[in-house]
Amino acid sequence: MNIGEEIVSVYLQYIKDCEFIQKNLYLPDVQGEIDIVGINLKTKEVYICEVAIHLITGIQYVKNGRIINVEKIVEKFSKDIEYANKYFKDYKKHFMFWSPIVKDQSQKAKHNQMEDMKQIQASLKEKYRKYSIEIELIINDRFLSCLKELRDYARKETKESKSPVLRLMQVEEYLKKHVEKLEKSGSGRTLGKIKRR
């Protein structure tokens, strides 16, 4: 299981109400693949998502010792946009790039990941200007906000989730409530506090 793709899939299913989710959709026309496609049939919206979970380095695609973030991501989204425009003509299209850590290096740094993100957005907007394409960046604090939305959903949902990510959040949220109740009641009956006789 790819944890990043699982998080995005669960978000699209439970927060964006997508009835259909496809991970790693192979594109035979262009020999590529889309990380996640979510379809909301009621609202006629399609979510085309690329996911990159690089925790230590932040976004850093490298080829022959050279950072190629802009080239790599523009190439991926170009294929995604062509696919969406061909197969989802009547749908509102959302193109999303999900990554929890995108670094904003200093002005003196040789490479700046946030500047790469701006360049990616600008390049794709220009390339597909007749379609009014916008790449939505779900990065840094925005990624964290989406996780919070999922936690809020998990806190209220009582039935067991099939998603390991959402189930973990349910366990954490219900455990927090349970421990708070124990502490308020004064019983403090957690295993660590029970005295042996």
N, C-alpha and C. Protein backbone atom coordinates (compact mmCIF):
# COMPACT_ATOMS: atom_id res chain seq x y z
N MET A 1 0.84 -1.19 0.00
CA MET A 1 0.00 0.00 0.00
C MET A 1 0.89 1.24 0.00
N ASN A 2 0.57 2.19 -0.87
CA ASN A 2 1.25 3.48 -0.89
C ASN A 2 0.44 4.40 0.01
N ILE A 3 1.02 4.81 1.14
CA ILE A 3 0.26 5.56 2.15
C ILE A 3 -0.22 6.90 1.61
N GLY A 4 0.58 7.57 0.78
CA GLY A 4 0.15 8.85 0.21
C GLY A 4 -1.07 8.68 -0.67
N GLU A 5 -1.04 7.68 -1.53
CA GLU A 5 -2.18 7.42 -2.42
C GLU A 5 -3.41 7.01 -1.62
N GLU A 6 -3.19 6.27 -0.53
CA GLU A 6 -4.32 5.87 0.32
C GLU A 6 -4.97 7.10 0.97
N ILE A 7 -4.16 8.02 1.47
CA ILE A 7 -4.70 9.24 2.08
C ILE A 7 -5.53 10.03 1.07
N VAL A 8 -5.00 10.21 -0.13
CA VAL A 8 -5.71 10.98 -1.16
C VAL A 8 -7.00 10.26 -1.56
N SER A 9 -6.95 8.95 -1.72
CA SER A 9 -8.14 8.17 -2.08
C SER A 9 -9.24 8.33 -1.04
N VAL A 10 -8.87 8.21 0.22
CA VAL A 10 -9.84 8.32 1.31
C VAL A 10 -10.43 9.74 1.35
N TYR A 11 -9.58 10.73 1.13
CA TYR A 11 -10.05 12.12 1.12
C TYR A 11 -11.08 12.32 0.00
N LEU A 12 -10.77 11.84 -1.18
CA LEU A 12 -11.70 11.99 -2.30
C LEU A 12 -13.01 11.25 -2.05
N GLN A 13 -12.92 10.08 -1.44
CA GLN A 13 -14.12 9.28 -1.19
C GLN A 13 -15.00 9.90 -0.11
N TYR A 14 -14.42 10.25 1.02
CA TYR A 14 -15.23 10.68 2.16
C TYR A 14 -15.43 12.18 2.27
N ILE A 15 -14.53 12.98 1.76
CA ILE A 15 -14.67 14.44 1.86
C ILE A 15 -15.22 15.03 0.56
N LYS A 16 -14.78 14.50 -0.57
CA LYS A 16 -15.26 15.02 -1.86
C LYS A 16 -16.39 14.17 -2.46
N ASP A 17 -16.82 13.14 -1.74
CA ASP A 17 -17.97 12.31 -2.14
C ASP A 17 -17.81 11.64 -3.51
N CYS A 18 -16.61 11.22 -3.83
CA CYS A 18 -16.39 10.51 -5.09
C CYS A 18 -16.89 9.06 -4.96
N GLU A 19 -17.74 8.65 -5.90
CA GLU A 19 -18.26 7.28 -5.88
C GLU A 19 -17.25 6.29 -6.45
N PHE A 20 -16.39 6.77 -7.35
CA PHE A 20 -15.40 5.90 -7.97
C PHE A 20 -14.01 6.46 -7.74
N ILE A 21 -13.12 5.58 -7.30
CA ILE A 21 -11.71 5.95 -7.11
C ILE A 21 -10.86 4.91 -7.82
N GLN A 22 -9.93 5.37 -8.62
CA GLN A 22 -9.00 4.44 -9.28
C GLN A 22 -7.57 4.89 -8.97
N LYS A 23 -6.79 3.95 -8.42
CA LYS A 23 -5.38 4.24 -8.15
C LYS A 23 -4.54 3.71 -9.30
N ASN A 24 -3.47 4.41 -9.61
CA ASN A 24 -2.51 4.00 -10.64
C ASN A 24 -3.20 3.63 -11.95
N LEU A 25 -3.96 4.57 -12.45
CA LEU A 25 -4.69 4.37 -13.70
C LEU A 25 -3.71 4.43 -14.87
N TYR A 26 -3.58 3.31 -15.56
CA TYR A 26 -2.66 3.24 -16.70
C TYR A 26 -3.28 3.93 -17.91
N LEU A 27 -2.48 4.75 -18.59
CA LEU A 27 -2.94 5.49 -19.77
C LEU A 27 -2.27 4.90 -21.01
N PRO A 28 -2.92 3.98 -21.69
CA PRO A 28 -2.29 3.34 -22.86
C PRO A 28 -2.00 4.33 -24.00
N ASP A 29 -2.83 5.37 -24.11
CA ASP A 29 -2.64 6.35 -25.20
C ASP A 29 -1.28 7.04 -25.14
N VAL A 30 -0.83 7.31 -23.90
CA VAL A 30 0.39 8.11 -23.73
C VAL A 30 1.48 7.39 -22.93
N GLN A 31 1.26 6.13 -22.62
CA GLN A 31 2.21 5.33 -21.84
C GLN A 31 2.61 6.03 -20.55
N GLY A 32 1.61 6.24 -19.75
CA GLY A 32 1.84 6.85 -18.45
C GLY A 32 0.80 6.34 -17.49
N GLU A 33 0.79 6.95 -16.30
CA GLU A 33 -0.17 6.51 -15.30
C GLU A 33 -0.52 7.71 -14.41
N ILE A 34 -1.77 7.75 -13.99
CA ILE A 34 -2.23 8.78 -13.06
C ILE A 34 -2.29 8.13 -11.69
N ASP A 35 -1.75 8.81 -10.68
CA ASP A 35 -1.73 8.21 -9.33
C ASP A 35 -3.14 7.93 -8.83
N ILE A 36 -4.02 8.94 -8.87
CA ILE A 36 -5.40 8.77 -8.37
C ILE A 36 -6.37 9.53 -9.27
N VAL A 37 -7.48 8.85 -9.60
CA VAL A 37 -8.60 9.51 -10.27
C VAL A 37 -9.83 9.26 -9.41
N GLY A 38 -10.52 10.34 -9.06
CA GLY A 38 -11.77 10.24 -8.30
C GLY A 38 -12.89 10.87 -9.11
N ILE A 39 -14.04 10.19 -9.12
CA ILE A 39 -15.18 10.70 -9.91
C ILE A 39 -16.39 10.87 -9.01
N ASN A 40 -16.94 12.08 -9.02
CA ASN A 40 -18.19 12.37 -8.33
C ASN A 40 -19.26 12.48 -9.42
N LEU A 41 -20.09 11.45 -9.51
CA LEU A 41 -21.09 11.40 -10.57
C LEU A 41 -22.21 12.41 -10.37
N LYS A 42 -22.57 12.68 -9.09
CA LYS A 42 -23.68 13.61 -8.82
C LYS A 42 -23.35 15.02 -9.30
N THR A 43 -22.14 15.46 -9.00
CA THR A 43 -21.77 16.84 -9.36
C THR A 43 -21.03 16.92 -10.70
N LYS A 44 -20.78 15.74 -11.29
CA LYS A 44 -20.03 15.66 -12.56
C LYS A 44 -18.67 16.34 -12.44
N GLU A 45 -17.92 15.89 -11.43
CA GLU A 45 -16.57 16.41 -11.21
C GLU A 45 -15.59 15.24 -11.21
N VAL A 46 -14.41 15.49 -11.75
CA VAL A 46 -13.35 14.49 -11.74
C VAL A 46 -12.12 15.11 -11.10
N TYR A 47 -11.48 14.33 -10.24
CA TYR A 47 -10.27 14.75 -9.54
C TYR A 47 -9.10 13.94 -10.07
N ILE A 48 -8.14 14.62 -10.65
CA ILE A 48 -6.95 13.98 -11.21
C ILE A 48 -5.79 14.38 -10.30
N CYS A 49 -5.22 13.38 -9.62
CA CYS A 49 -4.24 13.69 -8.57
C CYS A 49 -2.91 12.98 -8.78
N GLU A 50 -1.85 13.72 -8.58
CA GLU A 50 -0.51 13.16 -8.50
C GLU A 50 -0.04 13.32 -7.06
N VAL A 51 0.64 12.31 -6.55
CA VAL A 51 1.00 12.26 -5.13
C VAL A 51 2.50 12.00 -5.00
N ALA A 52 3.16 12.80 -4.17
CA ALA A 52 4.59 12.60 -3.91
C ALA A 52 4.84 12.76 -2.42
N ILE A 53 5.25 11.69 -1.78
CA ILE A 53 5.54 11.72 -0.34
C ILE A 53 7.05 11.57 -0.17
N HIS A 54 7.72 12.71 -0.11
CA HIS A 54 9.18 12.73 0.12
C HIS A 54 9.39 13.49 1.42
N LEU A 55 9.54 12.77 2.52
CA LEU A 55 9.54 13.42 3.83
C LEU A 55 10.84 14.13 4.18
N ILE A 56 11.96 13.57 3.88
CA ILE A 56 13.24 14.16 4.29
C ILE A 56 13.67 15.25 3.30
N THR A 57 13.66 14.92 2.04
CA THR A 57 14.19 15.86 1.04
C THR A 57 13.17 16.87 0.56
N GLY A 58 11.88 16.64 0.83
CA GLY A 58 10.86 17.43 0.16
C GLY A 58 10.80 16.96 -1.29
N ILE A 59 10.17 17.73 -2.16
CA ILE A 59 10.05 17.33 -3.57
C ILE A 59 11.42 17.36 -4.22
N GLN A 60 11.86 16.19 -4.63
CA GLN A 60 13.18 16.15 -5.25
C GLN A 60 13.28 14.97 -6.22
N TYR A 61 12.88 15.23 -7.45
CA TYR A 61 13.07 14.25 -8.51
C TYR A 61 14.42 14.54 -9.14
N VAL A 62 15.24 13.48 -9.27
CA VAL A 62 16.61 13.67 -9.76
C VAL A 62 16.87 12.73 -10.93
N LYS A 63 17.56 13.24 -11.95
CA LYS A 63 18.00 12.41 -13.08
C LYS A 63 19.41 12.86 -13.45
N ASN A 64 20.32 11.89 -13.52
CA ASN A 64 21.73 12.18 -13.85
C ASN A 64 22.32 13.28 -12.96
N GLY A 65 21.98 13.21 -11.67
CA GLY A 65 22.52 14.17 -10.71
C GLY A 65 21.91 15.56 -10.78
N ARG A 66 20.86 15.72 -11.58
CA ARG A 66 20.23 17.03 -11.76
C ARG A 66 18.78 16.97 -11.27
N ILE A 67 18.36 17.99 -10.52
CA ILE A 67 16.98 18.04 -10.04
C ILE A 67 16.06 18.41 -11.21
N ILE A 68 15.03 17.58 -11.41
CA ILE A 68 14.13 17.76 -12.56
C ILE A 68 12.67 17.88 -12.13
N ASN A 69 12.42 18.50 -10.99
CA ASN A 69 11.05 18.63 -10.48
C ASN A 69 10.10 19.20 -11.52
N VAL A 70 10.48 20.31 -12.11
CA VAL A 70 9.57 21.00 -13.05
C VAL A 70 9.30 20.11 -14.26
N GLU A 71 10.34 19.60 -14.89
CA GLU A 71 10.15 18.75 -16.08
C GLU A 71 9.29 17.54 -15.78
N LYS A 72 9.60 16.86 -14.68
CA LYS A 72 8.91 15.61 -14.32
C LYS A 72 7.42 15.86 -14.06
N ILE A 73 7.13 16.86 -13.25
CA ILE A 73 5.73 17.09 -12.86
C ILE A 73 4.93 17.69 -14.02
N VAL A 74 5.54 18.57 -14.80
CA VAL A 74 4.85 19.11 -15.99
C VAL A 74 4.53 17.98 -16.96
N GLU A 75 5.48 17.07 -17.16
CA GLU A 75 5.26 15.94 -18.07
C GLU A 75 4.10 15.07 -17.57
N LYS A 76 4.10 14.77 -16.27
CA LYS A 76 3.03 13.94 -15.70
C LYS A 76 1.66 14.60 -15.88
N PHE A 77 1.57 15.88 -15.51
CA PHE A 77 0.28 16.56 -15.60
C PHE A 77 -0.14 16.80 -17.04
N SER A 78 0.80 16.94 -17.95
CA SER A 78 0.44 17.09 -19.37
C SER A 78 -0.32 15.85 -19.84
N LYS A 79 0.17 14.67 -19.46
CA LYS A 79 -0.53 13.42 -19.81
C LYS A 79 -1.89 13.36 -19.12
N ASP A 80 -1.93 13.78 -17.87
CA ASP A 80 -3.18 13.76 -17.10
C ASP A 80 -4.23 14.67 -17.74
N ILE A 81 -3.80 15.86 -18.14
CA ILE A 81 -4.71 16.84 -18.73
C ILE A 81 -5.24 16.34 -20.07
N GLU A 82 -4.37 15.77 -20.87
CA GLU A 82 -4.79 15.21 -22.18
C GLU A 82 -5.84 14.11 -21.94
N TYR A 83 -5.59 13.25 -20.97
CA TYR A 83 -6.52 12.16 -20.65
C TYR A 83 -7.88 12.72 -20.21
N ALA A 84 -7.84 13.65 -19.26
CA ALA A 84 -9.08 14.21 -18.71
C ALA A 84 -9.88 14.94 -19.79
N ASN A 85 -9.21 15.68 -20.63
CA ASN A 85 -9.91 16.42 -21.69
C ASN A 85 -10.52 15.48 -22.73
N LYS A 86 -9.91 14.33 -22.92
CA LYS A 86 -10.42 13.36 -23.89
C LYS A 86 -11.61 12.58 -23.34
N TYR A 87 -11.51 12.13 -22.07
CA TYR A 87 -12.52 11.21 -21.54
C TYR A 87 -13.54 11.85 -20.59
N PHE A 88 -13.30 13.07 -20.14
CA PHE A 88 -14.22 13.72 -19.21
C PHE A 88 -14.60 15.12 -19.71
N LYS A 89 -15.03 15.18 -20.96
CA LYS A 89 -15.33 16.46 -21.59
C LYS A 89 -16.39 17.26 -20.84
N ASP A 90 -17.42 16.60 -20.34
CA ASP A 90 -18.54 17.30 -19.70
C ASP A 90 -18.36 17.46 -18.19
N TYR A 91 -17.22 17.09 -17.67
CA TYR A 91 -17.00 17.16 -16.23
C TYR A 91 -16.18 18.38 -15.84
N LYS A 92 -16.44 18.87 -14.63
CA LYS A 92 -15.55 19.89 -14.07
C LYS A 92 -14.29 19.15 -13.61
N LYS A 93 -13.14 19.64 -14.01
CA LYS A 93 -11.89 18.93 -13.74
C LYS A 93 -11.07 19.63 -12.67
N HIS A 94 -10.59 18.84 -11.71
CA HIS A 94 -9.71 19.34 -10.65
C HIS A 94 -8.38 18.61 -10.80
N PHE A 95 -7.33 19.35 -11.01
CA PHE A 95 -5.99 18.76 -11.09
C PHE A 95 -5.26 19.12 -9.81
N MET A 96 -4.84 18.09 -9.07
CA MET A 96 -4.25 18.31 -7.76
C MET A 96 -2.89 17.66 -7.62
N PHE A 97 -1.97 18.40 -7.02
CA PHE A 97 -0.66 17.84 -6.69
C PHE A 97 -0.57 17.79 -5.16
N TRP A 98 -0.44 16.56 -4.63
CA TRP A 98 -0.42 16.33 -3.19
C TRP A 98 1.00 16.00 -2.73
N SER A 99 1.50 16.77 -1.78
CA SER A 99 2.81 16.48 -1.19
C SER A 99 2.89 17.16 0.18
N PRO A 100 3.20 16.40 1.24
CA PRO A 100 3.19 17.01 2.57
C PRO A 100 4.33 17.99 2.82
N ILE A 101 5.47 17.76 2.18
CA ILE A 101 6.64 18.60 2.47
C ILE A 101 7.23 19.14 1.17
N VAL A 102 7.05 20.45 1.00
CA VAL A 102 7.67 21.17 -0.11
C VAL A 102 8.45 22.30 0.54
N LYS A 103 9.75 22.29 0.36
CA LYS A 103 10.61 23.24 1.07
C LYS A 103 10.71 24.58 0.34
N ASP A 104 10.83 25.61 1.16
CA ASP A 104 11.01 26.97 0.63
C ASP A 104 12.41 27.42 1.05
N GLN A 105 13.39 27.02 0.25
CA GLN A 105 14.77 27.33 0.59
C GLN A 105 15.04 28.83 0.48
N SER A 106 16.15 29.25 1.02
CA SER A 106 16.50 30.67 1.02
C SER A 106 16.77 31.15 -0.41
N GLN A 107 16.78 32.46 -0.56
CA GLN A 107 17.02 33.08 -1.87
C GLN A 107 18.39 32.68 -2.44
N LYS A 108 19.35 32.44 -1.54
CA LYS A 108 20.71 32.11 -1.99
C LYS A 108 20.86 30.65 -2.39
N ALA A 109 19.88 29.83 -2.03
CA ALA A 109 19.97 28.40 -2.33
C ALA A 109 19.97 28.17 -3.84
N LYS A 110 20.68 27.13 -4.25
CA LYS A 110 20.77 26.80 -5.68
C LYS A 110 19.42 26.36 -6.24
N HIS A 111 18.62 25.76 -5.36
CA HIS A 111 17.35 25.20 -5.81
C HIS A 111 16.25 25.49 -4.79
N ASN A 112 15.06 25.89 -5.26
CA ASN A 112 13.95 26.20 -4.36
C ASN A 112 12.70 25.46 -4.83
N GLN A 113 12.21 24.56 -3.97
CA GLN A 113 11.07 23.72 -4.33
C GLN A 113 9.77 24.51 -4.50
N MET A 114 9.58 25.55 -3.68
CA MET A 114 8.36 26.37 -3.82
C MET A 114 8.37 27.11 -5.16
N GLU A 115 9.54 27.56 -5.56
CA GLU A 115 9.64 28.22 -6.88
C GLU A 115 9.33 27.22 -7.99
N ASP A 116 9.77 25.96 -7.81
CA ASP A 116 9.44 24.91 -8.79
C ASP A 116 7.92 24.76 -8.91
N MET A 117 7.22 24.78 -7.77
CA MET A 117 5.76 24.62 -7.78
C MET A 117 5.11 25.76 -8.58
N LYS A 118 5.58 26.98 -8.35
CA LYS A 118 5.04 28.14 -9.09
C LYS A 118 5.31 28.01 -10.58
N GLN A 119 6.51 27.53 -10.90
CA GLN A 119 6.88 27.37 -12.31
C GLN A 119 6.03 26.28 -12.98
N ILE A 120 5.76 25.21 -12.25
CA ILE A 120 4.92 24.11 -12.76
C ILE A 120 3.52 24.65 -13.06
N GLN A 121 2.95 25.37 -12.09
CA GLN A 121 1.61 25.94 -12.29
C GLN A 121 1.58 26.87 -13.51
N ALA A 122 2.57 27.74 -13.59
CA ALA A 122 2.62 28.71 -14.70
C ALA A 122 2.79 28.02 -16.05
N SER A 123 3.68 27.02 -16.11
CA SER A 123 3.93 26.31 -17.38
C SER A 123 2.67 25.61 -17.89
N LEU A 124 1.97 24.93 -16.98
CA LEU A 124 0.77 24.19 -17.39
C LEU A 124 -0.38 25.14 -17.72
N LYS A 125 -0.47 26.23 -16.98
CA LYS A 125 -1.51 27.23 -17.27
C LYS A 125 -1.31 27.80 -18.67
N GLU A 126 -0.06 28.09 -19.01
CA GLU A 126 0.26 28.63 -20.33
C GLU A 126 0.04 27.58 -21.43
N LYS A 127 0.52 26.38 -21.19
CA LYS A 127 0.43 25.31 -22.19
C LYS A 127 -1.03 24.97 -22.52
N TYR A 128 -1.90 25.02 -21.50
CA TYR A 128 -3.31 24.64 -21.69
C TYR A 128 -4.24 25.82 -21.43
N ARG A 129 -3.84 27.00 -21.86
CA ARG A 129 -4.62 28.20 -21.54
C ARG A 129 -6.03 28.17 -22.13
N LYS A 130 -6.22 27.47 -23.25
CA LYS A 130 -7.57 27.41 -23.83
C LYS A 130 -8.54 26.61 -22.95
N TYR A 131 -7.99 25.79 -22.04
CA TYR A 131 -8.83 25.01 -21.12
C TYR A 131 -8.92 25.63 -19.73
N SER A 132 -8.23 26.74 -19.50
CA SER A 132 -8.19 27.38 -18.17
C SER A 132 -7.77 26.40 -17.07
N ILE A 133 -6.66 25.76 -17.29
CA ILE A 133 -6.15 24.75 -16.36
C ILE A 133 -5.48 25.41 -15.15
N GLU A 134 -5.83 24.91 -13.97
CA GLU A 134 -5.17 25.32 -12.73
C GLU A 134 -4.72 24.04 -12.02
N ILE A 135 -3.49 24.04 -11.56
CA ILE A 135 -3.00 22.92 -10.75
C ILE A 135 -3.13 23.34 -9.29
N GLU A 136 -3.96 22.61 -8.56
CA GLU A 136 -4.18 22.92 -7.14
C GLU A 136 -3.09 22.24 -6.33
N LEU A 137 -2.39 23.01 -5.53
CA LEU A 137 -1.30 22.47 -4.73
C LEU A 137 -1.80 22.12 -3.33
N ILE A 138 -1.81 20.84 -3.03
CA ILE A 138 -2.17 20.37 -1.69
C ILE A 138 -0.84 20.03 -1.02
N ILE A 139 -0.19 21.07 -0.53
CA ILE A 139 1.15 20.91 0.03
C ILE A 139 1.23 21.60 1.40
N ASN A 140 2.21 21.17 2.19
CA ASN A 140 2.51 21.79 3.47
C ASN A 140 1.26 21.96 4.34
N ASP A 141 0.90 23.21 4.69
CA ASP A 141 -0.24 23.45 5.59
C ASP A 141 -1.56 23.01 4.97
N ARG A 142 -1.67 23.07 3.66
CA ARG A 142 -2.90 22.63 2.99
C ARG A 142 -3.07 21.11 3.12
N PHE A 143 -1.97 20.38 3.01
CA PHE A 143 -2.00 18.93 3.19
C PHE A 143 -2.43 18.62 4.63
N LEU A 144 -1.86 19.36 5.57
CA LEU A 144 -2.20 19.17 6.99
C LEU A 144 -3.69 19.45 7.23
N SER A 145 -4.23 20.48 6.58
CA SER A 145 -5.66 20.80 6.72
C SER A 145 -6.54 19.66 6.20
N CYS A 146 -6.12 19.03 5.11
CA CYS A 146 -6.88 17.89 4.56
C CYS A 146 -6.85 16.71 5.53
N LEU A 147 -5.70 16.49 6.17
CA LEU A 147 -5.62 15.43 7.19
C LEU A 147 -6.56 15.75 8.35
N LYS A 148 -6.63 17.02 8.72
CA LYS A 148 -7.53 17.43 9.81
C LYS A 148 -8.99 17.17 9.41
N GLU A 149 -9.34 17.47 8.16
CA GLU A 149 -10.70 17.17 7.70
C GLU A 149 -11.02 15.69 7.83
N LEU A 150 -10.04 14.85 7.48
CA LEU A 150 -10.23 13.40 7.62
C LEU A 150 -10.38 13.00 9.08
N ARG A 151 -9.58 13.60 9.96
CA ARG A 151 -9.68 13.29 11.40
C ARG A 151 -11.05 13.72 11.94
N ASP A 152 -11.53 14.88 11.50
CA ASP A 152 -12.85 15.35 11.94
C ASP A 152 -13.93 14.38 11.48
N TYR A 153 -13.79 13.89 10.26
CA TYR A 153 -14.75 12.90 9.75
C TYR A 153 -14.66 11.61 10.58
N ALA A 154 -13.45 11.15 10.85
CA ALA A 154 -13.24 9.91 11.61
C ALA A 154 -13.81 10.03 13.03
N ARG A 155 -13.72 11.22 13.61
CA ARG A 155 -14.22 11.45 14.97
C ARG A 155 -15.72 11.25 15.04
N LYS A 156 -16.43 11.58 13.95
CA LYS A 156 -17.90 11.51 13.95
C LYS A 156 -18.44 10.19 13.41
N GLU A 157 -17.62 9.46 12.67
CA GLU A 157 -18.08 8.24 11.99
C GLU A 157 -17.99 7.05 12.95
N THR A 158 -19.11 6.33 13.11
CA THR A 158 -19.10 5.19 14.03
C THR A 158 -18.88 3.85 13.33
N LYS A 159 -19.33 3.75 12.09
CA LYS A 159 -19.14 2.43 11.44
C LYS A 159 -17.68 2.24 11.01
N GLU A 160 -17.27 0.99 11.03
CA GLU A 160 -15.87 0.65 10.73
C GLU A 160 -15.53 0.97 9.28
N SER A 161 -14.42 1.64 9.10
CA SER A 161 -13.96 1.98 7.76
C SER A 161 -13.15 0.84 7.17
N LYS A 162 -13.26 0.66 5.86
CA LYS A 162 -12.46 -0.35 5.16
C LYS A 162 -11.05 0.16 4.90
N SER A 163 -10.88 1.47 4.96
CA SER A 163 -9.56 2.06 4.72
C SER A 163 -8.71 1.99 5.98
N PRO A 164 -7.50 1.42 5.89
CA PRO A 164 -6.62 1.37 7.06
C PRO A 164 -6.28 2.76 7.60
N VAL A 165 -6.15 3.75 6.71
CA VAL A 165 -5.82 5.11 7.13
C VAL A 165 -6.96 5.69 7.96
N LEU A 166 -8.18 5.60 7.44
CA LEU A 166 -9.32 6.16 8.15
C LEU A 166 -9.60 5.37 9.43
N ARG A 167 -9.41 4.05 9.37
CA ARG A 167 -9.64 3.23 10.58
C ARG A 167 -8.65 3.62 11.68
N LEU A 168 -7.40 3.86 11.33
CA LEU A 168 -6.41 4.30 12.31
C LEU A 168 -6.85 5.63 12.94
N MET A 169 -7.33 6.55 12.11
CA MET A 169 -7.80 7.83 12.64
C MET A 169 -9.01 7.64 13.57
N GLN A 170 -9.92 6.71 13.19
CA GLN A 170 -11.06 6.42 14.06
C GLN A 170 -10.58 5.89 15.42
N VAL A 171 -9.65 4.96 15.40
CA VAL A 171 -9.13 4.39 16.64
C VAL A 171 -8.53 5.50 17.51
N GLU A 172 -7.71 6.35 16.90
CA GLU A 172 -7.07 7.44 17.66
C GLU A 172 -8.11 8.38 18.26
N GLU A 173 -9.10 8.78 17.46
CA GLU A 173 -10.09 9.74 17.92
C GLU A 173 -10.98 9.15 19.01
N TYR A 174 -11.42 7.90 18.84
CA TYR A 174 -12.26 7.28 19.86
C TYR A 174 -11.47 6.95 21.12
N LEU A 175 -10.22 6.60 20.97
CA LEU A 175 -9.36 6.36 22.14
C LEU A 175 -9.18 7.65 22.93
N LYS A 176 -8.95 8.76 22.25
CA LYS A 176 -8.80 10.06 22.93
C LYS A 176 -10.04 10.36 23.76
N LYS A 177 -11.24 10.19 23.14
CA LYS A 177 -12.50 10.44 23.85
C LYS A 177 -12.62 9.54 25.08
N HIS A 178 -12.29 8.28 24.90
CA HIS A 178 -12.42 7.30 25.98
C HIS A 178 -11.50 7.66 27.15
N VAL A 179 -10.24 7.98 26.86
CA VAL A 179 -9.29 8.32 27.92
C VAL A 179 -9.71 9.61 28.62
N GLU A 180 -10.21 10.58 27.86
CA GLU A 180 -10.69 11.83 28.48
C GLU A 180 -11.83 11.56 29.45
N LYS A 181 -12.77 10.65 29.06
CA LYS A 181 -13.88 10.29 29.95
C LYS A 181 -13.36 9.65 31.24
N LEU A 182 -12.41 8.74 31.09
CA LEU A 182 -11.83 8.09 32.27
C LEU A 182 -11.20 9.11 33.21
N GLU A 183 -10.48 10.04 32.62
CA GLU A 183 -9.81 11.06 33.44
C GLU A 183 -10.80 11.98 34.12
N LYS A 184 -11.90 12.36 33.41
CA LYS A 184 -12.92 13.23 34.00
C LYS A 184 -13.66 12.53 35.13
N SER A 185 -13.92 11.24 34.95
CA SER A 185 -14.67 10.50 35.98
C SER A 185 -13.83 10.28 37.23
N GLY A 186 -12.54 10.50 37.11
CA GLY A 186 -11.66 10.33 38.27
C GLY A 186 -11.27 8.90 38.52
N SER A 187 -11.82 7.98 37.73
CA SER A 187 -11.47 6.57 37.96
C SER A 187 -10.04 6.31 37.52
N GLY A 188 -9.64 7.02 36.49
CA GLY A 188 -8.26 6.86 36.00
C GLY A 188 -7.88 5.42 35.79
N ARG A 189 -8.84 4.59 35.43
CA ARG A 189 -8.58 3.15 35.36
C ARG A 189 -7.93 2.77 34.04
N THR A 190 -6.73 3.24 33.86
CA THR A 190 -5.93 2.77 32.75
C THR A 190 -5.01 1.72 33.33
N LEU A 191 -4.52 0.85 32.52
CA LEU A 191 -3.70 -0.27 32.99
C LEU A 191 -2.53 0.18 33.82
N GLY A 192 -1.93 1.27 33.44
CA GLY A 192 -0.76 1.76 34.17
C GLY A 192 -1.10 2.26 35.55
N LYS A 193 -2.38 2.60 35.82
CA LYS A 193 -2.73 3.17 37.12
C LYS A 193 -3.43 2.17 38.05
N ILE A 194 -3.75 0.98 37.55
CA ILE A 194 -4.41 -0.01 38.40
C ILE A 194 -3.39 -0.58 39.38
N LYS A 195 -3.75 -0.52 40.67
CA LYS A 195 -2.82 -1.03 41.68
C LYS A 195 -2.99 -2.52 41.84
N ARG A 196 -1.88 -3.20 42.01
CA ARG A 196 -1.94 -4.64 42.26
C ARG A 196 -2.31 -4.86 43.74
N ARG A 197 -3.06 -5.93 44.01
CA ARG A 197 -3.44 -6.25 45.40
C ARG A 197 -2.50 -7.27 45.96
